[in-house]
Protein backbone atom coordinates (compact mmCIF):
# COMPACT_ATOMS: atom_id res chain seq x y z
CA MET A 1 33.87 -0.16 -2.27
CA CYS A 2 32.58 2.19 -4.04
CA GLY A 3 28.80 3.46 -3.69
CA PRO A 4 27.75 2.45 -7.40
CA CYS A 5 29.50 -0.62 -7.45
CA LEU A 6 27.57 -1.53 -3.64
CA LEU A 7 24.49 -0.56 -5.69
CA ASN A 8 25.42 -2.52 -8.97
CA GLU A 9 25.98 -5.50 -6.41
CA TYR A 10 22.38 -5.07 -4.49
CA ILE A 11 20.65 -4.72 -8.03
CA ARG A 12 22.50 -7.98 -9.38
CA ALA A 13 21.55 -9.59 -6.27
CA PHE A 14 17.71 -8.67 -6.10
CA ILE A 15 17.32 -9.59 -9.84
CA THR A 16 18.82 -13.44 -8.83
CA VAL A 17 17.02 -13.88 -5.97
CA LEU A 18 13.83 -12.58 -7.50
CA TYR A 19 14.77 -15.30 -10.33
CA TRP A 20 14.65 -17.72 -8.08
CA ALA A 21 12.02 -17.14 -6.12
CA LEU A 22 9.72 -16.67 -9.16
CA ALA A 23 11.03 -20.28 -10.80
CA GLY A 24 10.82 -21.82 -7.22
CA ALA A 25 7.10 -20.67 -6.99
CA ILE A 26 6.62 -21.94 -10.54
CA PHE A 27 8.35 -25.35 -9.84
CA VAL A 28 6.36 -25.79 -6.41
CA ARG A 29 2.99 -24.93 -8.44
CA VAL A 30 4.09 -27.66 -10.87
CA MET A 31 4.42 -30.40 -8.15
CA LEU A 32 1.37 -29.57 -6.58
CA SER A 33 -0.60 -29.94 -9.56
CA TRP A 34 0.57 -33.45 -9.50
CA ILE A 35 -0.96 -34.13 -6.02
CA PRO A 36 -4.23 -33.24 -5.99
CA ASN A 37 -5.92 -32.53 -2.60
CA VAL A 38 -2.92 -31.31 -0.72
CA ARG A 39 -2.87 -28.51 1.67
CA LEU A 40 0.31 -26.82 2.46
CA PRO A 41 0.66 -25.25 6.10
CA PHE A 42 0.94 -21.76 6.88
CA GLY A 43 -0.64 -20.91 3.35
CA VAL A 44 1.95 -21.56 1.45
CA GLY A 45 -0.10 -23.14 -1.48
CA GLU A 46 -2.21 -20.25 -1.74
CA PHE A 47 0.98 -17.77 -1.84
CA VAL A 48 2.80 -19.89 -4.39
CA TRP A 49 -0.68 -19.62 -6.51
CA ASN A 50 -0.94 -15.77 -5.95
CA VAL A 51 2.75 -15.67 -7.12
CA SER A 52 2.65 -17.80 -10.01
CA GLU A 53 -0.85 -16.98 -11.64
CA PRO A 54 -0.51 -13.55 -12.69
CA ILE A 55 2.97 -15.13 -15.09
CA LEU A 56 1.29 -18.25 -16.03
CA ALA A 57 -2.27 -16.66 -17.10
CA PRO A 58 -1.47 -14.64 -19.93
CA ILE A 59 0.64 -17.56 -21.15
CA ARG A 60 -1.80 -19.85 -20.82
CA ARG A 61 -4.39 -17.56 -22.70
CA ALA A 62 -1.71 -17.30 -25.75
CA MET A 63 -0.84 -20.97 -25.94
CA PRO A 64 -2.57 -23.29 -27.85
CA PHE A 65 -4.06 -26.17 -26.29
CA PHE A 66 -2.13 -29.30 -26.44
CA GLY A 67 -3.87 -32.02 -25.39
CA GLY A 68 -4.01 -31.89 -21.58
CA ILE A 69 -0.59 -30.99 -21.26
CA ASP A 70 -0.08 -27.22 -19.97
CA PHE A 71 3.53 -25.95 -20.89
CA SER A 72 3.08 -22.63 -19.45
CA PRO A 73 5.53 -23.15 -16.98
CA PHE A 74 8.04 -24.21 -19.11
CA VAL A 75 7.67 -21.26 -21.18
CA ALA A 76 7.47 -18.80 -17.91
CA LEU A 77 10.60 -20.33 -16.77
CA ILE A 78 12.27 -19.92 -20.28
CA ALA A 79 10.80 -16.38 -20.39
CA ILE A 80 11.93 -15.30 -16.52
CA GLN A 81 15.55 -16.32 -17.31
CA ILE A 82 15.73 -14.67 -20.60
CA VAL A 83 14.60 -11.49 -19.05
CA SER A 84 16.92 -12.00 -16.08
CA SER A 85 19.86 -12.39 -18.36
CA LEU A 86 19.04 -9.57 -20.26
CA LEU A 87 18.63 -7.09 -17.44
CA LEU A 88 21.91 -8.60 -15.72
CA SER A 89 23.91 -7.88 -18.99
CA VAL A 90 22.51 -4.45 -19.30
CA LEU A 91 24.56 -3.86 -15.69
CA PRO A 92 27.98 -2.92 -15.56
CA PRO A 93 30.18 -5.69 -14.83
CA ALA A 94 30.80 -6.48 -11.22
CA VAL A 95 34.13 -5.31 -10.05
């Protein structure tokens, strides 16, 4: 396999893993919000909060309040999917 082809595959894999990591962190954050006073071991809860808050906070500030329901995780997941798809479509196709 040629060098640029291999680099292309590494970039595709990185974008895909980053997408799933961010989506997973947002999903875990939503699950933790439904179960109050739960502490995950090894600082997983704090890690999830630190990863997802920079994404969710700007969306939460920009969206209107909908009667106690936070739609920012849904909007963030859609935005992450769109950005991931756009980045993958810009890369040359895999050989």
